[in-house]
Protein backbone atom coordinates (compact mmCIF):
# COMPACT_ATOMS: atom_id res chain seq x y z
CA MET A 1 -7.56 0.54 18.64
CA PHE A 2 -4.71 2.74 19.83
CA ARG A 3 -4.09 5.83 17.74
CA MET A 4 -1.40 8.22 18.90
CA MET A 5 -0.74 11.28 16.82
CA LEU A 6 1.70 13.11 19.00
CA PRO A 7 1.01 16.89 18.89
CA ARG A 8 -0.87 14.96 15.71
CA ALA A 9 8.62 -5.36 19.18
CA GLY A 10 7.57 -7.86 20.69
CA MET A 11 9.67 -10.86 19.60
CA LEU A 12 8.23 -14.04 18.14
CA SER A 13 9.66 -17.02 16.31
CA CYS A 14 9.16 -16.52 12.57
CA CYS A 15 8.45 -20.19 11.98
CA LEU A 16 5.84 -20.19 14.74
CA LEU A 17 3.88 -17.20 13.51
CA PHE A 18 4.06 -18.07 9.85
CA ALA A 19 2.62 -21.50 10.56
CA THR A 20 -0.73 -19.71 10.27
CA ALA A 21 -0.19 -19.62 6.53
CA CYS A 22 -0.39 -23.42 6.52
CA LEU A 23 -3.42 -23.46 8.78
CA HIS A 24 -5.83 -21.51 6.65
CA ALA A 25 -5.16 -23.29 3.33
CA PRO A 26 -7.74 -21.28 1.36
CA SER A 27 -7.73 -23.38 -1.80
CA GLY A 28 -8.72 -26.57 -0.02
CA HIS A 29 -10.41 -25.15 3.06
CA ALA A 30 -8.48 -27.70 5.11
CA LEU A 31 -6.63 -27.33 8.38
CA VAL A 32 -3.40 -29.22 8.91
CA ALA A 33 -3.06 -28.65 12.63
CA ALA A 34 -5.17 -29.69 15.59
CA PRO A 35 -7.48 -27.04 17.09
CA ASP A 36 -5.28 -26.88 20.20
CA SER A 37 -2.32 -25.96 18.00
CA ILE A 38 -4.36 -23.26 16.29
CA GLU A 39 -5.27 -21.75 19.64
CA VAL A 40 -1.65 -21.75 20.83
CA LEU A 41 -0.57 -20.00 17.63
CA ASN A 42 -3.35 -17.48 17.95
CA GLN A 43 -2.53 -16.64 21.55
CA ASN A 44 1.14 -16.19 20.67
CA ASN A 45 0.21 -13.92 17.76
CA LEU A 46 -2.02 -11.81 20.01
CA ALA A 47 0.64 -11.57 22.72
CA ALA A 48 3.26 -10.50 20.19
CA ALA A 49 0.89 -7.89 18.75
CA ALA A 50 0.15 -6.45 22.19
CA ASP A 51 3.87 -6.20 22.95
CA ALA A 52 4.51 -4.53 19.59
CA VAL A 53 1.76 -1.95 20.20
CA ALA A 54 3.24 -1.01 23.56
CA GLN A 55 6.71 -0.72 22.04
CA GLY A 56 5.44 1.38 19.12
CA VAL A 57 3.90 3.90 21.53
CA VAL A 58 7.13 4.14 23.52
CA ILE A 59 9.31 4.54 20.42
CA ALA A 60 7.15 7.29 18.91
CA SER A 61 7.21 9.21 22.17
CA ALA A 62 10.97 8.79 22.55
CA LEU A 63 11.64 9.99 19.00
CA ASN A 64 9.58 13.11 19.56
CA GLN A 65 11.48 13.83 22.75
CA ARG A 66 14.74 13.47 20.84
CA LEU A 67 13.49 15.90 18.20
CA LEU A 68 13.00 18.50 20.93
CA SER A 69 16.31 17.81 22.67
CA THR A 70 18.92 20.31 21.41
CA PRO A 71 22.20 19.93 23.33
CA ALA A 72 25.37 21.19 21.67
CA ALA A 73 27.09 17.94 22.66
CA CYS A 74 26.35 14.76 24.58
CA VAL A 75 28.04 13.18 27.59
CA ARG A 76 31.85 13.22 27.48
CA ASN A 77 31.68 15.71 24.63
CA GLN A 78 30.22 13.17 22.21
CA PRO A 79 28.56 14.64 19.07
CA ASP A 80 24.96 15.80 19.41
CA TYR A 81 23.56 12.94 17.30
CA THR A 82 24.86 10.50 19.91
CA CYS A 83 22.01 11.30 22.29
CA SER A 84 19.60 13.69 20.57
CA GLY A 85 17.78 14.21 17.29
CA VAL A 86 16.66 11.47 14.93
CA LEU A 87 18.66 9.80 12.16
CA ALA A 88 16.28 9.09 9.27
CA ARG A 89 17.14 7.31 6.04
CA PRO A 90 14.76 8.32 3.21
CA MET A 91 14.26 5.50 0.71
CA ALA A 92 14.40 5.88 -3.04
CA ALA A 93 11.55 4.23 -4.95
CA ASN A 94 14.01 1.87 -6.65
CA HIS A 95 15.80 0.82 -3.46
CA ALA A 96 16.67 -2.84 -2.96
CA ALA A 97 13.69 -5.03 -2.09
CA ARG A 98 14.93 -5.50 1.49
CA PHE A 99 15.21 -1.99 2.82
CA TRP A 100 18.18 -2.55 5.16
CA GLU A 101 20.39 -3.76 2.31
CA HIS A 102 22.77 -1.20 0.81
CA ASP A 103 22.11 0.19 -2.64
CA ALA A 104 24.86 0.73 -5.23
CA GLU A 105 25.55 4.29 -4.08
CA ALA A 106 25.95 3.34 -0.42
CA THR A 107 28.07 0.34 -1.33
CA ALA A 108 30.43 2.51 -3.41
CA ARG A 109 30.64 5.18 -0.68
CA GLY A 110 30.94 2.72 2.20
CA SER A 111 28.23 4.46 4.19
CA GLU A 112 24.51 5.22 4.34
CA ALA A 113 23.43 8.87 4.19
CA PHE A 114 21.06 9.75 7.03
CA VAL A 115 19.18 12.99 7.52
CA TYR A 116 19.64 14.38 11.03
CA LEU A 117 16.27 15.68 12.24
CA ARG A 118 16.14 18.10 15.15
CA SER A 119 13.80 20.93 16.10
CA ASP A 120 16.56 23.58 15.96
CA LEU A 121 17.62 22.65 12.43
CA ASP A 122 15.87 24.34 9.50
CA GLN A 123 14.59 21.40 7.48
CA GLY A 124 11.89 20.99 4.88
CA PRO A 125 10.08 17.76 3.95
CA LEU A 126 12.33 14.73 3.52
CA SER A 127 13.30 13.68 0.03
CA GLY A 128 11.79 10.54 -1.48
CA ARG A 129 8.98 8.76 0.26
CA GLY A 130 9.19 6.79 3.49
CA GLY A 131 12.22 5.18 5.07
CA TYR A 132 13.63 3.97 8.35
CA ILE A 133 15.09 5.37 11.56
CA LEU A 134 18.28 4.47 13.37
CA MET A 135 18.65 4.29 17.14
CA ALA A 136 20.53 7.10 18.82
CA ARG A 137 24.16 6.05 19.01
CA LEU A 138 24.22 5.71 22.82
CA GLU A 139 21.10 3.52 22.71
CA ALA A 140 22.59 1.41 19.95
CA MET A 141 25.75 0.86 21.97
CA ALA A 142 23.69 -0.16 25.01
CA ALA A 143 21.76 -2.64 22.84
CA GLY A 144 24.96 -4.19 21.46
CA LYS A 145 24.32 -2.70 18.00
CA ALA A 146 26.96 0.01 17.87
CA TYR A 147 27.60 1.71 14.55
CA GLU A 148 30.34 3.93 13.21
CA VAL A 149 29.83 7.43 11.85
CA LYS A 150 32.07 7.96 8.82
CA ALA A 151 31.40 11.62 8.13
CA ARG A 152 29.12 14.59 8.73
CA PRO A 153 29.06 16.65 5.53
CA ASN A 154 26.74 19.25 7.10
CA PRO A 155 24.77 19.70 10.36
CA ALA A 156 21.72 17.97 8.87
CA GLN A 157 23.44 14.90 7.40
CA VAL A 158 25.28 12.03 9.04
CA GLN A 159 26.95 9.21 7.12
CA VAL A 160 26.85 5.90 8.99
CA GLY A 161 29.26 3.15 8.04
CA ASN A 162 27.76 0.20 6.18
CA TRP A 163 26.70 -2.78 8.25
CA ASP A 164 26.51 -6.48 7.46
CA ALA A 165 23.10 -6.64 5.79
CA ARG A 166 23.13 -10.41 6.12
CA GLN A 167 22.67 -10.01 9.88
CA PRO A 168 19.69 -7.63 10.26
CA THR A 169 19.23 -8.50 13.93
CA ASN A 170 22.54 -6.73 14.60
CA VAL A 171 21.50 -3.54 12.82
CA ALA A 172 20.36 -0.60 15.00
CA ILE A 173 17.12 0.12 13.12
CA GLU A 174 14.30 1.00 15.52
CA ALA A 175 11.36 2.11 13.36
CA LEU A 176 9.94 2.64 9.88
CA TYR A 177 8.23 5.82 8.77
CA TYR A 178 6.03 6.84 5.87
CA ASN A 179 4.66 10.06 4.45
CA PRO A 180 0.85 10.10 4.81
CA ALA A 181 0.64 12.64 1.99
CA ALA A 182 2.30 10.27 -0.50
CA SER A 183 0.06 7.86 -2.38
CA ASN A 184 0.48 4.19 -1.38
CA ASP A 185 3.37 5.02 0.95
CA LEU A 186 1.71 3.13 3.81
CA PHE A 187 1.67 -0.06 1.71
CA ARG A 188 5.38 0.41 1.03
CA ALA A 189 6.11 0.77 4.75
CA GLN A 190 4.04 -2.34 5.47
CA ARG A 191 6.08 -4.26 2.93
CA SER A 192 9.22 -3.23 4.83
CA GLN A 193 7.61 -4.17 8.14
CA LEU A 194 6.76 -7.63 6.79
CA GLN A 195 10.24 -8.15 5.34
CA TRP A 196 11.89 -7.24 8.63
CA PHE A 197 9.62 -9.59 10.54
CA LYS A 198 10.34 -12.47 8.18
CA ALA A 199 14.07 -11.84 8.51
CA THR A 200 14.27 -11.24 12.27
CA GLY A 201 11.06 -12.42 13.97
CA ALA A 202 10.61 -8.91 15.44
CA TRP A 203 8.14 -6.14 14.65
CA LEU A 204 9.31 -2.64 13.76
CA PRO A 205 6.67 0.06 14.33
CA ILE A 206 5.41 2.04 11.33
CA LEU A 207 5.25 5.74 12.16
CA ARG A 208 3.73 8.70 10.35
CA TYR A 209 6.07 11.55 9.50
CA GLN A 210 5.43 14.23 6.90
CA GLY A 211 8.47 16.41 7.61
CA GLY A 212 8.86 20.15 7.72
CA PRO A 213 8.93 22.63 10.64
CA GLY A 214 7.33 21.30 13.79
CA ALA A 215 6.68 17.83 12.34
CA THR A 216 6.44 14.96 14.80
CA PHE A 217 6.17 11.18 14.62
CA GLY A 218 2.77 9.55 15.09
CA PHE A 219 1.86 5.93 15.81
CA ASP A 220 -1.45 4.37 14.70
CA GLN A 221 -2.12 0.82 15.82
CA GLY A 222 -4.50 0.27 12.90
CA GLU A 223 -1.68 0.76 10.39
CA GLN A 224 0.47 -2.06 11.73
CA LEU A 225 0.29 -5.42 9.96
CA TYR A 226 0.06 -7.33 13.23
CA GLU A 227 -3.22 -5.55 14.08
CA GLY A 228 -4.97 -8.06 11.82
CA TYR A 229 -4.50 -10.76 14.46
CA GLN A 230 -6.41 -8.71 17.02
CA ILE A 231 -9.19 -7.85 14.58
CA ALA A 232 -9.62 -11.52 13.64
CA GLU A 233 -9.77 -12.45 17.33
CA ARG A 234 -12.42 -9.81 17.96
CA ILE A 235 -14.55 -11.10 15.08
CA ASN A 236 -14.19 -14.71 16.19
CA SER A 237 -15.21 -13.72 19.70
CA ARG A 238 -18.43 -12.15 18.43
CA TYR A 239 -19.04 -15.22 16.29
CA THR A 240 -18.89 -17.56 19.28
CA THR A 241 -21.06 -15.41 21.56
CA VAL A 242 -24.57 -16.88 21.46
CA SER A 243 -26.60 -15.09 24.12
CA ALA A 244 -30.29 -14.66 23.28
CA THR A 245 -29.98 -10.87 23.61
CA CYS A 246 -27.36 -8.24 24.38
CA PRO A 247 -26.82 -7.36 28.05
CA ASP A 248 -29.08 -4.32 27.61
CA GLY A 249 -31.90 -6.46 26.18
CA ARG A 250 -31.50 -5.37 22.57
CA ALA A 251 -31.34 -7.79 19.64
CA ARG A 252 -28.24 -9.94 19.37
CA PHE A 253 -26.85 -8.19 16.33
CA TYR A 254 -26.13 -5.04 18.36
CA CYS A 255 -23.33 -6.75 20.30
CA GLN A 256 -22.53 -10.13 18.73
CA GLY A 257 -22.43 -12.07 15.49
CA VAL A 258 -20.72 -11.06 12.26
CA TRP A 259 -22.22 -9.00 9.42
CA VAL A 260 -20.90 -10.18 6.05
CA ARG A 261 -21.57 -8.57 2.68
CA THR A 262 -20.07 -10.18 -0.44
CA ILE A 263 -19.53 -8.71 -3.90
CA ASN A 264 -19.71 -10.35 -7.32
CA ILE A 265 -16.20 -10.78 -8.70
CA ALA A 266 -17.38 -9.23 -11.97
CA ASP A 267 -17.96 -5.99 -10.06
CA VAL A 268 -14.52 -5.84 -8.42
CA GLY A 269 -12.84 -2.62 -9.51
CA LYS A 270 -15.97 -1.27 -11.21
CA HIS A 271 -17.51 0.47 -8.23
CA ARG A 272 -16.62 0.90 -4.58
CA PRO A 273 -17.68 -2.18 -2.59
CA TRP A 274 -18.94 -0.16 0.38
CA ASN A 275 -21.47 1.74 -1.74
CA PRO A 276 -25.00 0.30 -1.99
CA SER A 277 -25.73 -0.79 -5.56
CA PRO A 278 -28.40 1.06 -7.56
CA ASN A 279 -30.80 -1.83 -6.95
CA SER A 280 -30.08 -1.76 -3.20
CA VAL A 281 -30.83 1.96 -3.18
CA ARG A 282 -34.09 1.31 -5.06
CA LEU A 283 -35.07 -1.35 -2.54
CA ASN A 284 -33.72 0.57 0.44
CA GLY A 285 -32.16 -2.76 1.34
CA VAL A 286 -28.60 -4.11 1.18
CA SER A 287 -28.37 -7.90 1.54
CA PHE A 288 -26.09 -9.24 4.28
CA SER A 289 -25.65 -12.58 5.95
CA TRP A 290 -25.34 -12.72 9.71
CA PHE A 291 -22.88 -15.32 10.94
CA SER A 292 -22.98 -16.84 14.41
CA ALA A 293 -21.84 -20.18 15.77
CA ASP A 294 -25.48 -21.20 16.29
CA ALA A 295 -26.88 -19.83 13.00
CA SER A 296 -25.53 -22.62 10.75
CA VAL A 297 -24.52 -20.31 7.88
CA SER A 298 -22.18 -22.51 5.87
CA ARG A 299 -21.04 -20.26 3.01
CA THR A 300 -21.15 -16.79 1.51
CA TYR A 301 -22.97 -15.72 -1.65
CA HIS A 302 -19.81 -14.49 -3.42
CA GLY A 303 -16.13 -15.13 -2.77
CA GLN A 304 -15.01 -11.68 -1.67
CA GLY A 305 -16.52 -8.88 0.35
CA PHE A 306 -16.30 -7.19 3.73
CA ILE A 307 -17.28 -7.49 7.38
CA MET A 308 -19.08 -4.77 9.30
CA ARG A 309 -18.78 -4.32 13.05
CA GLU A 310 -21.66 -5.12 15.38
CA SER A 311 -24.62 -2.77 14.97
CA GLY A 312 -24.14 -1.19 18.38
CA TYR A 313 -20.63 -0.03 17.55
CA PRO A 314 -20.53 3.79 17.63
CA VAL A 315 -19.91 5.28 14.18
CA VAL A 316 -21.08 8.30 12.20
CA GLN A 317 -23.07 6.09 9.80
CA PRO A 318 -24.45 3.07 11.73
CA LEU A 319 -26.29 0.18 10.10
CA THR A 320 -30.07 0.01 10.38
CA VAL A 321 -31.55 -3.49 10.22
CA ARG A 322 -34.91 -3.52 8.40
CA CYS A 323 -35.81 -7.23 8.40
CA GLY A 324 -34.40 -10.71 7.97
CA TYR A 325 -35.10 -14.13 6.53
CA PRO A 326 -33.76 -17.44 7.86
CA ARG A 327 -32.80 -18.44 4.30
CA ASP A 328 -32.17 -16.77 0.94
CA ALA A 329 -35.34 -14.84 0.12
CA GLY A 330 -34.60 -13.76 -3.45
CA THR A 331 -35.10 -10.10 -2.63
CA GLY A 332 -33.39 -8.71 -5.74
CA THR A 333 -36.59 -8.26 -7.77
CA ALA A 334 -38.89 -7.17 -4.94
CA ASN A 335 -40.54 -3.79 -4.68
CA ASP A 336 -39.92 -3.81 -0.95
CA PRO A 337 -37.71 -6.66 0.34
CA CYS A 338 -39.28 -6.53 3.78
CA THR A 339 -42.95 -6.73 2.77
CA PHE A 340 -43.19 -8.71 -0.47
CA ARG A 341 -43.35 -12.00 1.45
CA ASN A 342 -45.36 -10.52 4.33
CA ARG A 343 -44.14 -9.55 7.78
CA CYS A 344 -44.04 -12.36 10.32
CA GLU A 345 -45.47 -10.09 13.03
CA ALA A 346 -48.51 -9.35 10.88
CA LEU A 347 -49.10 -13.08 10.41
CA GLY A 348 -48.75 -13.81 14.11
CA ILE A 349 -45.58 -15.84 13.56
CA ASN A 350 -43.35 -15.27 16.54
CA THR A 351 -42.00 -18.76 17.29
CA THR A 352 -40.20 -21.43 15.32
CA ALA A 353 -43.23 -23.72 15.77
CA ALA A 354 -45.53 -21.12 14.23
CA TRP A 355 -43.17 -20.65 11.29
CA PHE A 356 -42.98 -24.38 10.60
CA ALA A 357 -46.74 -24.72 10.95
CA ARG A 358 -47.28 -22.22 8.13
CA TYR A 359 -44.36 -22.99 5.85
CA GLY A 360 -43.80 -26.66 6.57
CA ARG A 361 -40.64 -28.66 6.95
CA GLY A 362 -38.37 -29.87 4.19
CA THR A 363 -39.36 -27.11 1.71
CA ASN A 364 -37.36 -24.23 0.29
CA GLU A 365 -39.97 -21.65 1.24
CA PRO A 366 -38.19 -18.44 2.41
CA GLY A 367 -41.14 -17.59 4.61
CA CYS A 368 -42.08 -14.21 6.00
CA ALA A 369 -39.77 -11.37 6.99
CA PHE A 370 -38.82 -11.12 10.66
CA GLY A 371 -38.45 -7.66 12.14
CA PRO A 372 -35.35 -6.31 13.92
CA GLY A 373 -36.67 -6.72 17.46
CA ALA A 374 -34.84 -8.94 19.91
CA ALA A 375 -37.47 -11.72 20.04
CA ALA A 376 -38.12 -11.75 16.29
CA PHE A 377 -34.41 -11.83 15.40
CA SER A 378 -33.76 -14.60 17.91
CA THR A 379 -36.59 -16.68 16.41
CA MET A 380 -35.15 -16.22 12.92
CA VAL A 381 -31.72 -17.42 14.11
CA ASN A 382 -33.25 -20.36 15.96
CA LEU A 383 -34.89 -21.56 12.74
CA ARG A 384 -31.38 -22.18 11.40
CA ASN A 385 -30.13 -23.94 14.49
CA ARG A 386 -29.01 -27.47 13.72
CA THR A 387 -31.27 -28.82 16.46
CA THR A 388 -34.34 -28.18 14.27
CA GLY A 389 -33.21 -30.99 11.98
CA VAL A 390 -34.24 -28.95 8.92
CA ASP A 391 -31.97 -27.89 6.07
CA MET A 392 -32.47 -24.13 5.81
CA GLY A 393 -29.97 -23.60 3.00
CA VAL A 394 -26.43 -22.29 3.15
CA TRP A 395 -27.05 -18.68 4.25
CA ASN A 396 -29.58 -16.33 5.78
CA GLU A 397 -30.50 -12.95 4.28
CA ILE A 398 -30.75 -9.81 6.36
CA MET A 399 -31.77 -6.50 4.83
CA ILE A 400 -29.89 -3.41 5.96
CA ALA A 401 -31.25 0.02 5.02
CA ALA A 402 -29.22 1.65 2.24
CA TRP A 403 -26.69 4.21 3.48
CA PRO A 404 -25.28 7.24 1.61
CA GLN A 405 -22.74 6.78 -1.16
CA ASN A 406 -19.01 7.42 -0.76
CA VAL A 407 -18.74 7.53 3.04
CA PRO A 408 -16.39 4.58 3.77
CA ALA A 409 -14.66 6.28 6.71
CA GLN A 410 -18.04 6.83 8.41
CA LEU A 411 -19.15 3.19 8.15
CA PRO A 412 -18.44 0.42 10.68
CA LEU A 413 -16.23 -1.44 8.20
CA GLU A 414 -13.95 -3.87 10.02
CA ALA A 415 -12.16 -6.07 7.45
CA PHE A 416 -12.21 -7.33 3.88
CA ILE A 417 -12.66 -11.06 3.31
CA TYR A 418 -12.23 -13.80 0.76
CA THR A 419 -13.34 -17.43 0.89
CA VAL A 420 -11.20 -19.19 -1.74
CA SER A 421 -7.71 -18.36 -2.97
CA ALA A 422 -8.95 -17.23 -6.38
CA ASN A 423 -10.88 -14.42 -4.71
CA ARG A 424 -8.04 -13.10 -2.58
CA ILE A 425 -7.08 -10.52 -5.22
CA GLY A 426 -10.62 -9.12 -5.02
CA ALA A 427 -10.31 -8.56 -1.27
CA GLN A 428 -6.88 -7.00 -1.77
CA THR A 429 -8.35 -4.64 -4.36
CA PHE A 430 -10.96 -3.53 -1.82
CA GLN A 431 -8.20 -3.02 0.74
CA ARG A 432 -6.24 -0.76 -1.59
CA GLU A 433 -9.34 1.21 -2.59
CA TYR A 434 -10.24 1.75 1.05
CA VAL A 435 -6.84 3.24 1.87
CA GLN A 436 -7.05 5.53 -1.14
CA TYR A 437 -10.62 6.71 -0.60
CA THR A 438 -10.26 7.26 3.14
CA GLN A 439 -6.90 8.99 2.67
CA GLY A 440 -4.92 6.59 4.78
CA SER A 441 -7.25 4.45 6.92
CA TYR A 442 -6.38 0.77 6.71
CA LEU A 443 -8.26 -2.52 7.17
CA PRO A 444 -6.88 -6.08 6.94
CA VAL A 445 -7.80 -8.87 4.54
CA LEU A 446 -9.09 -11.99 6.33
CA TYR A 447 -9.81 -15.51 5.11
CA LEU A 448 -13.38 -16.54 6.00
CA ASN A 449 -14.18 -20.23 6.32
CA ALA A 450 -17.70 -20.97 7.53
CA ALA A 451 -16.81 -24.66 7.77
CA ALA A 452 -13.91 -24.01 10.15
CA PRO A 453 -13.91 -25.12 13.81
CA PRO A 454 -16.69 -23.46 15.82
CA ASN A 455 -14.40 -20.82 17.32
CA ARG A 456 -12.63 -19.64 14.16
CA LEU A 457 -14.75 -18.07 11.44
CA VAL A 458 -11.90 -15.89 10.13
CA THR A 459 -8.13 -16.26 9.97
CA TYR A 460 -5.53 -13.54 9.52
CA ASN A 461 -2.47 -14.28 7.41
CA LEU A 462 0.29 -11.74 6.81
CA ASP A 463 0.86 -12.85 3.23
CA ASP A 464 -2.78 -12.11 2.34
CA GLN A 465 -2.22 -8.36 2.72
CA ARG A 466 -1.71 -6.13 -0.33
CA VAL A 467 1.69 -4.57 0.41
CA GLU A 468 3.84 -2.85 -2.21
């Protein structure tokens, strides 16, 4: 993930990208396009996201250079705002739904009031919350998006003549910004980013800007709505990787597969989803399912939850795997979820044949607990492989050691998920709570469909995100 906090768009057809909304069809779990079409859409989404990231980095850097540029006038004695400084339009909370449309005040005046930001001007924090940024006038002219300045009431304000809001592609807007100190301001900026994309097929970067002396613009890839496409691709790649071990010989879960934890809908909003429940703390075990293309996990326990990154991902608070069962083991009432059904190693069970010899075929016996070693974990996964010809139930159960409470930013959280449309609001609630409790970090909501084609466990859809 690219995160640029300085001294802290790609184009795509709207109809093409938004076809993904038809593809994931959460209520019916049905796809309406061939797998080849899905892959083409996905590759286009990823390409557009990569282009938008590169452009966001360039724009943030250019804006900061303009802040530091302090000429008295520009070429041919043009006003200073023509080539330097930054024209920012703070947005009132009650502004029109589509941010580039003129409110009643601007319509009556015939112009939009922009704040002129420059390092040699004495300016405090901007009024209101977030807003948008206009291209420098010379750049706008070069891009065929020239605008007219109607007045300059004072050195720090420039009034730009109203544009035709029905033609946003002709408007010289180059970025959105939000105040990271303002509650929910990121969601508001994401709403604007989504609206602009739907109207133009182009991505505007969302930048951080708090205002005040020495303030600069910062770009964080993780805050952009299009980042969800790349996260979904990364998860799907781990899902389809089925090597017996990681390249360094460790168990598969260190580098592949997908950790999924789901939450009862009755608990949504009652306690933070990333905190182990009191019973999980008592057991020193949090129940997860581990999804992989060869593990035959066909559904989740509940309809909303979250995905953790692979166990080898470097974080402050990594996950520690204690043990695992090839099927639901009913660990909720155990004294110790990794010993109450015996340890497979202690019983000498280290192959699928040995497991079947003890527990039989065609029964619902959870069996013993496999340890976290590479061979033991691989055997547990192999028991669920379709080639065994045995129905092992709809999910496996892996016990992760309980972690400390209230440390979401230190965990390897990767995304929030839902499995049917009725549970989407639960995942969106988690998303909002995460932003609030981490003071600005953001994760996408993904649709998880275990019955999807083998290469697509999760799907990212822009309209699933909780934007203001």
